Amino acid sequence: MERKINQQQKLHIKKGDMVLVLAGDDKGKKGRIVEVLKADGRALVEGVNIVSRHTKPNAQNQQGGIIKKEAPVHISNLKVVDKAGNATRIGRKVADNGKLARYSKKTGEFID
């Protein structure tokens, strides 16, 4: 029996989570996940890793110029923030309703 090689791993973050940036120029900033790019292992975080993009005039942007936008951050540099505002690791266990749910390893409370 052969092993599956290209199976994607389960991520500790998902869209809408509040996260803390652990490394890079924006270290220490908090923001909400806008989009998760699973294939690249990266995520777009609101207000973090802002880059300047020089654009030519087009139909959407008549004038052109410099546009500021978020660039993706690697998920290894992000840590989920719980309801109390503390950065925590994420675990999975069966909740009261019988479904698998994420929980904060620091406080033990369920997230979501």
PDB file of N, CA and C in Angstrom:
ATOM      1  N   MET A   1       0.843  -1.184   0.000  1.00  0.00           N
ATOM      2  CA  MET A   1       0.000   0.000   0.000  1.00  0.00           C
ATOM      3  C   MET A   1       0.881   1.236   0.000  1.00  0.00           C
ATOM      4  N   GLU A   2       0.609   2.149  -0.904  1.00  0.00           N
ATOM      5  CA  GLU A   2       1.433   3.347  -1.035  1.00  0.00           C
ATOM      6  C   GLU A   2       0.908   4.479  -0.165  1.00  0.00           C
ATOM      7  N   ARG A   3       1.845   5.330   0.272  1.00  0.00           N
ATOM      8  CA  ARG A   3       1.473   6.503   1.061  1.00  0.00           C
ATOM      9  C   ARG A   3       1.048   7.632   0.148  1.00  0.00           C
ATOM     10  N   LYS A   4       0.140   8.463   0.641  1.00  0.00           N
ATOM     11  CA  LYS A   4      -0.239   9.662  -0.103  1.00  0.00           C
ATOM     12  C   LYS A   4       0.815  10.721   0.158  1.00  0.00           C
ATOM     13  N   ILE A   5       1.389  11.261  -0.896  1.00  0.00           N
ATOM     14  CA  ILE A   5       2.492  12.217  -0.748  1.00  0.00           C
ATOM     15  C   ILE A   5       1.993  13.652  -0.700  1.00  0.00           C
ATOM     16  N   ASN A   6       1.031  14.003  -1.523  1.00  0.00           N
ATOM     17  CA  ASN A   6       0.611  15.397  -1.656  1.00  0.00           C
ATOM     18  C   ASN A   6      -0.579  15.766  -0.778  1.00  0.00           C
ATOM     19  N   GLN A   7      -0.769  15.059   0.311  1.00  0.00           N
ATOM     20  CA  GLN A   7      -1.885  15.373   1.190  1.00  0.00           C
ATOM     21  C   GLN A   7      -1.581  16.645   1.979  1.00  0.00           C
ATOM     22  N   GLN A   8      -2.504  17.617   1.951  1.00  0.00           N
ATOM     23  CA  GLN A   8      -2.278  18.883   2.634  1.00  0.00           C
ATOM     24  C   GLN A   8      -2.558  18.735   4.118  1.00  0.00           C
ATOM     25  N   GLN A   9      -1.707  19.359   4.928  1.00  0.00           N
ATOM     26  CA  GLN A   9      -1.869  19.267   6.371  1.00  0.00           C
ATOM     27  C   GLN A   9      -2.976  20.181   6.874  1.00  0.00           C
ATOM     28  N   LYS A  10      -3.506  19.865   8.048  1.00  0.00           N
ATOM     29  CA  LYS A  10      -4.540  20.674   8.682  1.00  0.00           C
ATOM     30  C   LYS A  10      -3.876  21.896   9.303  1.00  0.00           C
ATOM     31  N   LEU A  11      -4.441  23.062   9.089  1.00  0.00           N
ATOM     32  CA  LEU A  11      -3.831  24.298   9.568  1.00  0.00           C
ATOM     33  C   LEU A  11      -4.410  24.700  10.920  1.00  0.00           C
ATOM     34  N   HIS A  12      -3.633  25.448  11.706  1.00  0.00           N
ATOM     35  CA  HIS A  12      -4.089  25.902  13.015  1.00  0.00           C
ATOM     36  C   HIS A  12      -4.841  27.226  12.957  1.00  0.00           C
ATOM     37  N   ILE A  13      -4.902  27.823  11.762  1.00  0.00           N
ATOM     38  CA  ILE A  13      -5.616  29.090  11.603  1.00  0.00           C
ATOM     39  C   ILE A  13      -6.683  28.940  10.534  1.00  0.00           C
ATOM     40  N   LYS A  14      -7.692  29.812  10.607  1.00  0.00           N
ATOM     41  CA  LYS A  14      -8.678  29.860   9.541  1.00  0.00           C
ATOM     42  C   LYS A  14      -9.192  31.285   9.392  1.00  0.00           C
ATOM     43  N   LYS A  15      -9.906  31.528   8.322  1.00  0.00           N
ATOM     44  CA  LYS A  15     -10.410  32.857   8.012  1.00  0.00           C
ATOM     45  C   LYS A  15     -11.252  33.389   9.169  1.00  0.00           C
ATOM     46  N   GLY A  16     -10.981  34.641   9.564  1.00  0.00           N
ATOM     47  CA  GLY A  16     -11.737  35.272  10.628  1.00  0.00           C
ATOM     48  C   GLY A  16     -11.061  35.209  11.991  1.00  0.00           C
ATOM     49  N   ASP A  17     -10.015  34.399  12.142  1.00  0.00           N
ATOM     50  CA  ASP A  17      -9.298  34.309  13.420  1.00  0.00           C
ATOM     51  C   ASP A  17      -8.499  35.576  13.687  1.00  0.00           C
ATOM     52  N   MET A  18      -8.399  35.950  14.968  1.00  0.00           N
ATOM     53  CA  MET A  18      -7.469  37.005  15.377  1.00  0.00           C
ATOM     54  C   MET A  18      -6.124  36.343  15.617  1.00  0.00           C
ATOM     55  N   VAL A  19      -5.050  36.911  15.052  1.00  0.00           N
ATOM     56  CA  VAL A  19      -3.721  36.323  15.198  1.00  0.00           C
ATOM     57  C   VAL A  19      -2.701  37.361  15.637  1.00  0.00           C
ATOM     58  N   LEU A  20      -1.610  36.881  16.198  1.00  0.00           N
ATOM     59  CA  LEU A  20      -0.467  37.688  16.594  1.00  0.00           C
ATOM     60  C   LEU A  20       0.685  37.318  15.684  1.00  0.00           C
ATOM     61  N   VAL A  21       1.404  38.320  15.160  1.00  0.00           N
ATOM     62  CA  VAL A  21       2.551  38.067  14.295  1.00  0.00           C
ATOM     63  C   VAL A  21       3.774  37.849  15.177  1.00  0.00           C
ATOM     64  N   LEU A  22       4.470  36.723  14.979  1.00  0.00           N
ATOM     65  CA  LEU A  22       5.588  36.332  15.827  1.00  0.00           C
ATOM     66  C   LEU A  22       6.943  36.778  15.287  1.00  0.00           C
ATOM     67  N   ALA A  23       7.052  37.000  13.976  1.00  0.00           N
ATOM     68  CA  ALA A  23       8.353  37.319  13.391  1.00  0.00           C
ATOM     69  C   ALA A  23       8.187  38.267  12.210  1.00  0.00           C
ATOM     70  N   GLY A  24       9.259  38.965  11.886  1.00  0.00           N
ATOM     71  CA  GLY A  24       9.253  39.864  10.739  1.00  0.00           C
ATOM     72  C   GLY A  24       9.150  41.323  11.153  1.00  0.00           C
ATOM     73  N   ASP A  25       8.965  42.188  10.177  1.00  0.00           N
ATOM     74  CA  ASP A  25       8.890  43.630  10.423  1.00  0.00           C
ATOM     75  C   ASP A  25       7.681  44.007  11.272  1.00  0.00           C
ATOM     76  N   ASP A  26       6.610  43.240  11.173  1.00  0.00           N
ATOM     77  CA  ASP A  26       5.373  43.541  11.895  1.00  0.00           C
ATOM     78  C   ASP A  26       5.223  42.706  13.162  1.00  0.00           C
ATOM     79  N   LYS A  27       6.325  42.258  13.726  1.00  0.00           N
ATOM     80  CA  LYS A  27       6.307  41.431  14.933  1.00  0.00           C
ATOM     81  C   LYS A  27       5.554  42.143  16.058  1.00  0.00           C
ATOM     82  N   GLY A  28       4.633  41.422  16.702  1.00  0.00           N
ATOM     83  CA  GLY A  28       3.868  41.980  17.812  1.00  0.00           C
ATOM     84  C   GLY A  28       2.525  42.558  17.418  1.00  0.00           C
ATOM     85  N   LYS A  29       2.275  42.731  16.122  1.00  0.00           N
ATOM     86  CA  LYS A  29       0.992  43.277  15.675  1.00  0.00           C
ATOM     87  C   LYS A  29      -0.080  42.197  15.690  1.00  0.00           C
ATOM     88  N   LYS A  30      -1.329  42.617  15.932  1.00  0.00           N
ATOM     89  CA  LYS A  30      -2.462  41.709  15.893  1.00  0.00           C
ATOM     90  C   LYS A  30      -3.351  42.098  14.723  1.00  0.00           C
ATOM     91  N   GLY A  31      -3.988  41.112  14.125  1.00  0.00           N
ATOM     92  CA  GLY A  31      -4.901  41.377  13.022  1.00  0.00           C
ATOM     93  C   GLY A  31      -5.795  40.185  12.760  1.00  0.00           C
ATOM     94  N   ARG A  32      -6.799  40.400  11.919  1.00  0.00           N
ATOM     95  CA  ARG A  32      -7.748  39.346  11.584  1.00  0.00           C
ATOM     96  C   ARG A  32      -7.353  38.719  10.247  1.00  0.00           C
ATOM     97  N   ILE A  33      -7.503  37.391  10.137  1.00  0.00           N
ATOM     98  CA  ILE A  33      -7.189  36.672   8.908  1.00  0.00           C
ATOM     99  C   ILE A  33      -8.245  37.008   7.853  1.00  0.00           C
ATOM    100  N   VAL A  34      -7.779  37.493   6.697  1.00  0.00           N
ATOM    101  CA  VAL A  34      -8.673  37.836   5.597  1.00  0.00           C
ATOM    102  C   VAL A  34      -8.827  36.644   4.658  1.00  0.00           C
ATOM    103  N   GLU A  35      -7.713  35.941   4.419  1.00  0.00           N
ATOM    104  CA  GLU A  35      -7.713  34.819   3.475  1.00  0.00           C
ATOM    105  C   GLU A  35      -6.573  33.881   3.827  1.00  0.00           C
ATOM    106  N   VAL A  36      -6.797  32.585   3.675  1.00  0.00           N
ATOM    107  CA  VAL A  36      -5.750  31.592   3.898  1.00  0.00           C
ATOM    108  C   VAL A  36      -5.388  30.974   2.553  1.00  0.00           C
ATOM    109  N   LEU A  37      -4.103  31.023   2.194  1.00  0.00           N
ATOM    110  CA  LEU A  37      -3.611  30.432   0.960  1.00  0.00           C
ATOM    111  C   LEU A  37      -2.993  29.083   1.322  1.00  0.00           C
ATOM    112  N   LYS A  38      -3.807  28.041   1.292  1.00  0.00           N
ATOM    113  CA  LYS A  38      -3.424  26.732   1.818  1.00  0.00           C
ATOM    114  C   LYS A  38      -2.248  26.118   1.059  1.00  0.00           C
ATOM    115  N   ALA A  39      -2.244  26.254  -0.264  1.00  0.00           N
ATOM    116  CA  ALA A  39      -1.187  25.644  -1.082  1.00  0.00           C
ATOM    117  C   ALA A  39       0.184  26.236  -0.765  1.00  0.00           C
ATOM    118  N   ASP A  40       0.228  27.533  -0.454  1.00  0.00           N
ATOM    119  CA  ASP A  40       1.496  28.205  -0.162  1.00  0.00           C
ATOM    120  C   ASP A  40       1.844  28.174   1.321  1.00  0.00           C
ATOM    121  N   GLY A  41       0.876  27.822   2.170  1.00  0.00           N
ATOM    122  CA  GLY A  41       1.103  27.851   3.611  1.00  0.00           C
ATOM    123  C   GLY A  41       1.210  29.274   4.131  1.00  0.00           C
ATOM    124  N   ARG A  42       0.440  30.187   3.537  1.00  0.00           N
ATOM    125  CA  ARG A  42       0.492  31.597   3.899  1.00  0.00           C
ATOM    126  C   ARG A  42      -0.916  32.123   4.166  1.00  0.00           C
ATOM    127  N   ALA A  43      -0.986  33.292   4.784  1.00  0.00           N
ATOM    128  CA  ALA A  43      -2.281  33.903   5.076  1.00  0.00           C
ATOM    129  C   ALA A  43      -2.180  35.416   4.938  1.00  0.00           C
ATOM    130  N   LEU A  44      -3.280  36.035   4.502  1.00  0.00           N
ATOM    131  CA  LEU A  44      -3.375  37.491   4.449  1.00  0.00           C
ATOM    132  C   LEU A  44      -3.958  37.966   5.768  1.00  0.00           C
ATOM    133  N   VAL A  45      -3.241  38.860   6.450  1.00  0.00           N
ATOM    134  CA  VAL A  45      -3.680  39.380   7.730  1.00  0.00           C
ATOM    135  C   VAL A  45      -3.979  40.861   7.566  1.00  0.00           C
ATOM    136  N   GLU A  46      -5.139  41.283   8.056  1.00  0.00           N
ATOM    137  CA  GLU A  46      -5.604  42.657   7.930  1.00  0.00           C
ATOM    138  C   GLU A  46      -4.648  43.631   8.636  1.00  0.00           C
ATOM    139  N   GLY A  47      -4.100  44.592   7.892  1.00  0.00           N
ATOM    140  CA  GLY A  47      -3.246  45.625   8.469  1.00  0.00           C
ATOM    141  C   GLY A  47      -1.821  45.209   8.756  1.00  0.00           C
ATOM    142  N   VAL A  48      -1.410  44.036   8.283  1.00  0.00           N
ATOM    143  CA  VAL A  48      -0.064  43.522   8.556  1.00  0.00           C
ATOM    144  C   VAL A  48       0.652  43.251   7.238  1.00  0.00           C
ATOM    145  N   ASN A  49       1.963  43.484   7.219  1.00  0.00           N
ATOM    146  CA  ASN A  49       2.814  43.238   6.043  1.00  0.00           C
ATOM    147  C   ASN A  49       2.326  44.043   4.837  1.00  0.00           C
ATOM    148  N   ILE A  50       2.168  45.347   5.027  1.00  0.00           N
ATOM    149  CA  ILE A  50       1.705  46.253   3.972  1.00  0.00           C
ATOM    150  C   ILE A  50       2.849  46.510   2.983  1.00  0.00           C
ATOM    151  N   VAL A  51       2.556  46.345   1.695  1.00  0.00           N
ATOM    152  CA  VAL A  51       3.541  46.599   0.648  1.00  0.00           C
ATOM    153  C   VAL A  51       2.991  47.655  -0.306  1.00  0.00           C
ATOM    154  N   SER A  52       3.890  48.343  -1.012  1.00  0.00           N
ATOM    155  CA  SER A  52       3.499  49.347  -1.997  1.00  0.00           C
ATOM    156  C   SER A  52       3.550  48.719  -3.378  1.00  0.00           C
ATOM    157  N   ARG A  53       2.465  48.846  -4.106  1.00  0.00           N
ATOM    158  CA  ARG A  53       2.379  48.285  -5.449  1.00  0.00           C
ATOM    159  C   ARG A  53       2.218  49.438  -6.428  1.00  0.00           C
ATOM    160  N   HIS A  54       3.155  49.560  -7.381  1.00  0.00           N
ATOM    161  CA  HIS A  54       3.076  50.612  -8.390  1.00  0.00           C
ATOM    162  C   HIS A  54       2.234  50.107  -9.551  1.00  0.00           C
ATOM    163  N   THR A  55       1.152  50.831  -9.899  1.00  0.00           N
ATOM    164  CA  THR A  55       0.232  50.373 -10.931  1.00  0.00           C
ATOM    165  C   THR A  55       0.079  51.406 -12.032  1.00  0.00           C
ATOM    166  N   LYS A  56      -0.133  50.881 -13.223  1.00  0.00           N
ATOM    167  CA  LYS A  56      -0.443  51.743 -14.368  1.00  0.00           C
ATOM    168  C   LYS A  56      -1.934  52.065 -14.329  1.00  0.00           C
ATOM    169  N   PRO A  57      -2.344  53.146 -14.976  1.00  0.00           N
ATOM    170  CA  PRO A  57      -3.784  53.431 -15.053  1.00  0.00           C
ATOM    171  C   PRO A  57      -4.527  52.306 -15.769  1.00  0.00           C
ATOM    172  N   ASN A  58      -5.694  51.917 -15.243  1.00  0.00           N
ATOM    173  CA  ASN A  58      -6.520  50.891 -15.874  1.00  0.00           C
ATOM    174  C   ASN A  58      -7.998  51.208 -15.604  1.00  0.00           C
ATOM    175  N   ALA A  59      -8.869  50.288 -15.962  1.00  0.00           N
ATOM    176  CA  ALA A  59     -10.314  50.547 -15.829  1.00  0.00           C
ATOM    177  C   ALA A  59     -10.726  50.734 -14.361  1.00  0.00           C
ATOM    178  N   GLN A  60     -10.142  49.937 -13.436  1.00  0.00           N
ATOM    179  CA  GLN A  60     -10.509  50.063 -12.029  1.00  0.00           C
ATOM    180  C   GLN A  60      -9.871  51.282 -11.382  1.00  0.00           C
ATOM    181  N   ASN A  61      -8.645  51.587 -11.769  1.00  0.00           N
ATOM    182  CA  ASN A  61      -7.897  52.689 -11.176  1.00  0.00           C
ATOM    183  C   ASN A  61      -7.497  53.647 -12.295  1.00  0.00           C
ATOM    184  N   GLN A  62      -8.314  54.672 -12.540  1.00  0.00           N
ATOM    185  CA  GLN A  62      -8.108  55.572 -13.679  1.00  0.00           C
ATOM    186  C   GLN A  62      -6.780  56.315 -13.610  1.00  0.00           C
ATOM    187  N   GLN A  63      -6.366  56.671 -12.399  1.00  0.00           N
ATOM    188  CA  GLN A  63      -5.179  57.504 -12.250  1.00  0.00           C
ATOM    189  C   GLN A  63      -3.888  56.701 -12.161  1.00  0.00           C
ATOM    190  N   GLY A  64      -3.961  55.477 -11.656  1.00  0.00           N
ATOM    191  CA  GLY A  64      -2.747  54.698 -11.441  1.00  0.00           C
ATOM    192  C   GLY A  64      -2.058  55.167 -10.176  1.00  0.00           C
ATOM    193  N   GLY A  65      -0.773  54.880 -10.033  1.00  0.00           N
ATOM    194  CA  GLY A  65      -0.016  55.341  -8.886  1.00  0.00           C
ATOM    195  C   GLY A  65       0.358  54.220  -7.931  1.00  0.00           C
ATOM    196  N   ILE A  66       0.633  54.595  -6.688  1.00  0.00           N
ATOM    197  CA  ILE A  66       1.092  53.637  -5.692  1.00  0.00           C
ATOM    198  C   ILE A  66      -0.091  53.192  -4.835  1.00  0.00           C
ATOM    199  N   ILE A  67      -0.294  51.885  -4.752  1.00  0.00           N
ATOM    200  CA  ILE A  67      -1.379  51.312  -3.959  1.00  0.00           C
ATOM    201  C   ILE A  67      -0.772  50.521  -2.806  1.00  0.00           C
ATOM    202  N   LYS A  68      -1.263  50.746  -1.604  1.00  0.00           N
ATOM    203  CA  LYS A  68      -0.814  49.988  -0.429  1.00  0.00           C
ATOM    204  C   LYS A  68      -1.753  48.803  -0.233  1.00  0.00           C
ATOM    205  N   LYS A  69      -1.190  47.610  -0.075  1.00  0.00           N
ATOM    206  CA  LYS A  69      -2.019  46.431   0.161  1.00  0.00           C
ATOM    207  C   LYS A  69      -1.265  45.413   0.997  1.00  0.00           C
ATOM    208  N   GLU A  70      -2.023  44.447   1.568  1.00  0.00           N
ATOM    209  CA  GLU A  70      -1.416  43.427   2.415  1.00  0.00           C
ATOM    210  C   GLU A  70      -0.773  42.340   1.560  1.00  0.00           C
ATOM    211  N   ALA A  71       0.384  41.874   2.007  1.00  0.00           N
ATOM    212  CA  ALA A  71       1.046  40.738   1.381  1.00  0.00           C
ATOM    213  C   ALA A  71       0.897  39.536   2.316  1.00  0.00           C
ATOM    214  N   PRO A  72       0.949  38.315   1.774  1.00  0.00           N
ATOM    215  CA  PRO A  72       0.781  37.132   2.619  1.00  0.00           C
ATOM    216  C   PRO A  72       1.922  36.953   3.615  1.00  0.00           C
ATOM    217  N   VAL A  73       1.592  36.384   4.789  1.00  0.00           N
ATOM    218  CA  VAL A  73       2.552  36.068   5.849  1.00  0.00           C
ATOM    219  C   VAL A  73       2.543  34.556   6.016  1.00  0.00           C
ATOM    220  N   HIS A  74       3.710  33.953   6.225  1.00  0.00           N
ATOM    221  CA  HIS A  74       3.769  32.502   6.419  1.00  0.00           C
ATOM    222  C   HIS A  74       3.071  32.129   7.721  1.00  0.00           C
ATOM    223  N   ILE A  75       2.318  31.023   7.702  1.00  0.00           N
ATOM    224  CA  ILE A  75       1.510  30.669   8.870  1.00  0.00           C
ATOM    225  C   ILE A  75       2.347  30.263  10.080  1.00  0.00           C
ATOM    226  N   SER A  76       3.608  29.917   9.868  1.00  0.00           N
ATOM    227  CA  SER A  76       4.467  29.576  11.006  1.00  0.00           C
ATOM    228  C   SER A  76       4.801  30.814  11.831  1.00  0.00           C
ATOM    229  N   ASN A  77       4.596  31.990  11.261  1.00  0.00           N
ATOM    230  CA  ASN A  77       4.860  33.246  11.959  1.00  0.00           C
ATOM    231  C   ASN A  77       3.602  33.832  12.599  1.00  0.00           C
ATOM    232  N   LEU A  78       2.536  33.056  12.663  1.00  0.00           N
ATOM    233  CA  LEU A  78       1.273  33.523  13.225  1.00  0.00           C
ATOM    234  C   LEU A  78       0.850  32.627  14.384  1.00  0.00           C
ATOM    235  N   LYS A  79       0.256  33.238  15.398  1.00  0.00           N
ATOM    236  CA  LYS A  79      -0.263  32.496  16.542  1.00  0.00           C
ATOM    237  C   LYS A  79      -1.673  33.010  16.846  1.00  0.00           C
ATOM    238  N   VAL A  80      -2.592  32.108  17.074  1.00  0.00           N
ATOM    239  CA  VAL A  80      -3.987  32.471  17.313  1.00  0.00           C
ATOM    240  C   VAL A  80      -4.126  33.167  18.667  1.00  0.00           C
ATOM    241  N   VAL A  81      -4.983  34.190  18.707  1.00  0.00           N
ATOM    242  CA  VAL A  81      -5.252  34.930  19.939  1.00  0.00           C
ATOM    243  C   VAL A  81      -6.636  34.518  20.431  1.00  0.00           C
ATOM    244  N   ASP A  82      -6.751  34.154  21.718  1.00  0.00           N
ATOM    245  CA  ASP A  82      -8.040  33.728  22.265  1.00  0.00           C
ATOM    246  C   ASP A  82      -8.894  34.928  22.669  1.00  0.00           C
ATOM    247  N   LYS A  83     -10.050  34.671  23.256  1.00  0.00           N
ATOM    248  CA  LYS A  83     -11.007  35.736  23.604  1.00  0.00           C
ATOM    249  C   LYS A  83     -10.438  36.720  24.616  1.00  0.00           C
ATOM    250  N   ALA A  84      -9.544  36.237  25.494  1.00  0.00           N
ATOM    251  CA  ALA A  84      -8.943  37.098  26.514  1.00  0.00           C
ATOM    252  C   ALA A  84      -7.832  37.975  25.939  1.00  0.00           C
ATOM    253  N   GLY A  85      -7.419  37.723  24.685  1.00  0.00           N
ATOM    254  CA  GLY A  85      -6.373  38.521  24.053  1.00  0.00           C
ATOM    255  C   GLY A  85      -4.989  37.937  24.199  1.00  0.00           C
ATOM    256  N   ASN A  86      -4.888  36.681  24.685  1.00  0.00           N
ATOM    257  CA  ASN A  86      -3.590  36.026  24.855  1.00  0.00           C
ATOM    258  C   ASN A  86      -3.283  35.125  23.668  1.00  0.00           C
ATOM    259  N   ALA A  87      -2.022  35.137  23.220  1.00  0.00           N
ATOM    260  CA  ALA A  87      -1.604  34.232  22.157  1.00  0.00           C
ATOM    261  C   ALA A  87      -1.561  32.822  22.719  1.00  0.00           C
ATOM    262  N   THR A  88      -2.060  31.867  21.945  1.00  0.00           N
ATOM    263  CA  THR A  88      -2.157  30.498  22.439  1.00  0.00           C
ATOM    264  C   THR A  88      -1.934  29.501  21.314  1.00  0.00           C
ATOM    265  N   ARG A  89      -1.570  28.296  21.699  1.00  0.00           N
ATOM    266  CA  ARG A  89      -1.529  27.201  20.744  1.00  0.00           C
ATOM    267  C   ARG A  89      -2.930  26.628  20.631  1.00  0.00           C
ATOM    268  N   ILE A  90      -3.162  25.898  19.536  1.00  0.00           N
ATOM    269  CA  ILE A  90      -4.488  25.363  19.254  1.00  0.00           C
ATOM    270  C   ILE A  90      -4.445  23.847  19.321  1.00  0.00           C
ATOM    271  N   GLY A  91      -5.460  23.277  19.972  1.00  0.00           N
ATOM    272  CA  GLY A  91      -5.627  21.829  19.980  1.00  0.00           C
ATOM    273  C   GLY A  91      -7.015  21.499  19.465  1.00  0.00           C
ATOM    274  N   ARG A  92      -7.265  20.200  19.266  1.00  0.00           N
ATOM    275  CA  ARG A  92      -8.591  19.767  18.823  1.00  0.00           C
ATOM    276  C   ARG A  92      -9.072  18.677  19.756  1.00  0.00           C
ATOM    277  N   LYS A  93     -10.319  18.802  20.210  1.00  0.00           N
ATOM    278  CA  LYS A  93     -10.935  17.745  20.999  1.00  0.00           C
ATOM    279  C   LYS A  93     -12.434  17.769  20.772  1.00  0.00           C
ATOM    280  N   VAL A  94     -13.085  16.699  21.166  1.00  0.00           N
ATOM    281  CA  VAL A  94     -14.521  16.561  20.957  1.00  0.00           C
ATOM    282  C   VAL A  94     -15.261  17.473  21.934  1.00  0.00           C
ATOM    283  N   ALA A  95     -16.152  18.285  21.392  1.00  0.00           N
ATOM    284  CA  ALA A  95     -16.941  19.223  22.199  1.00  0.00           C
ATOM    285  C   ALA A  95     -18.190  18.519  22.736  1.00  0.00           C
ATOM    286  N   ASP A  96     -19.012  19.264  23.469  1.00  0.00           N
ATOM    287  CA  ASP A  96     -20.232  18.721  24.055  1.00  0.00           C
ATOM    288  C   ASP A  96     -21.216  18.221  23.002  1.00  0.00           C
ATOM    289  N   ASN A  97     -21.212  18.866  21.840  1.00  0.00           N
ATOM    290  CA  ASN A  97     -22.154  18.474  20.782  1.00  0.00           C
ATOM    291  C   ASN A  97     -21.676  17.254  19.990  1.00  0.00           C
ATOM    292  N   GLY A  98     -20.505  16.694  20.346  1.00  0.00           N
ATOM    293  CA  GLY A  98     -19.999  15.489  19.688  1.00  0.00           C
ATOM    294  C   GLY A  98     -19.130  15.754  18.478  1.00  0.00           C
ATOM    295  N   LYS A  99     -18.919  17.013  18.146  1.00  0.00           N
ATOM    296  CA  LYS A  99     -18.090  17.354  16.987  1.00  0.00           C
ATOM    297  C   LYS A  99     -16.695  17.752  17.445  1.00  0.00           C
ATOM    298  N   LEU A 100     -15.716  17.587  16.564  1.00  0.00           N
ATOM    299  CA  LEU A 100     -14.347  17.987  16.842  1.00  0.00           C
ATOM    300  C   LEU A 100     -14.256  19.510  16.766  1.00  0.00           C
ATOM    301  N   ALA A 101     -13.710  20.133  17.794  1.00  0.00           N
ATOM    302  CA  ALA A 101     -13.641  21.598  17.842  1.00  0.00           C
ATOM    303  C   ALA A 101     -12.253  22.030  18.286  1.00  0.00           C
ATOM    304  N   ARG A 102     -11.893  23.245  17.916  1.00  0.00           N
ATOM    305  CA  ARG A 102     -10.596  23.801  18.317  1.00  0.00           C
ATOM    306  C   ARG A 102     -10.706  24.406  19.701  1.00  0.00           C
ATOM    307  N   TYR A 103      -9.615  24.278  20.480  1.00  0.00           N
ATOM    308  CA  TYR A 103      -9.608  24.880  21.814  1.00  0.00           C
ATOM    309  C   TYR A 103      -8.247  25.484  22.101  1.00  0.00           C
ATOM    310  N   SER A 104      -8.233  26.425  23.036  1.00  0.00           N
ATOM    311  CA  SER A 104      -7.010  27.090  23.455  1.00  0.00           C
ATOM    312  C   SER A 104      -6.269  26.197  24.430  1.00  0.00           C
ATOM    313  N   LYS A 105      -5.010  25.901  24.151  1.00  0.00           N
ATOM    314  CA  LYS A 105      -4.232  25.050  25.046  1.00  0.00           C
ATOM    315  C   LYS A 105      -3.827  25.805  26.306  1.00  0.00           C
ATOM    316  N   LYS A 106      -3.859  27.120  26.257  1.00  0.00           N
ATOM    317  CA  LYS A 106      -3.483  27.921  27.428  1.00  0.00           C
ATOM    318  C   LYS A 106      -4.612  27.962  28.459  1.00  0.00           C
ATOM    319  N   THR A 107      -5.839  28.231  27.990  1.00  0.00           N
ATOM    320  CA  THR A 107      -6.966  28.363  28.916  1.00  0.00           C
ATOM    321  C   THR A 107      -7.899  27.163  28.923  1.00  0.00           C
ATOM    322  N   GLY A 108      -7.866  26.348  27.877  1.00  0.00           N
ATOM    323  CA  GLY A 108      -8.767  25.196  27.776  1.00  0.00           C
ATOM    324  C   GLY A 108     -10.121  25.528  27.198  1.00  0.00           C
ATOM    325  N   GLU A 109     -10.392  26.799  26.889  1.00  0.00           N
ATOM    326  CA  GLU A 109     -11.682  27.211  26.340  1.00  0.00           C
ATOM    327  C   GLU A 109     -11.756  26.911  24.850  1.00  0.00           C
ATOM    328  N   PHE A 110     -12.964  26.614  24.373  1.00  0.00           N
ATOM    329  CA  PHE A 110     -13.162  26.368  22.961  1.00  0.00           C
ATOM    330  C   PHE A 110     -13.120  27.688  22.199  1.00  0.00           C
ATOM    331  N   ILE A 111     -12.580  27.645  20.981  1.00  0.00           N
ATOM    332  CA  ILE A 111     -12.473  28.827  20.121  1.00  0.00           C
ATOM    333  C   ILE A 111     -13.531  28.709  19.040  1.00  0.00           C
ATOM    334  N   ASP A 112     -14.235  29.795  18.751  1.00  0.00           N
ATOM    335  CA  ASP A 112     -15.297  29.947  17.748  1.00  0.00           C
ATOM    336  C   ASP A 112     -16.632  30.080  18.339  1.00  0.00           C
TER     337      ASP A 112
END
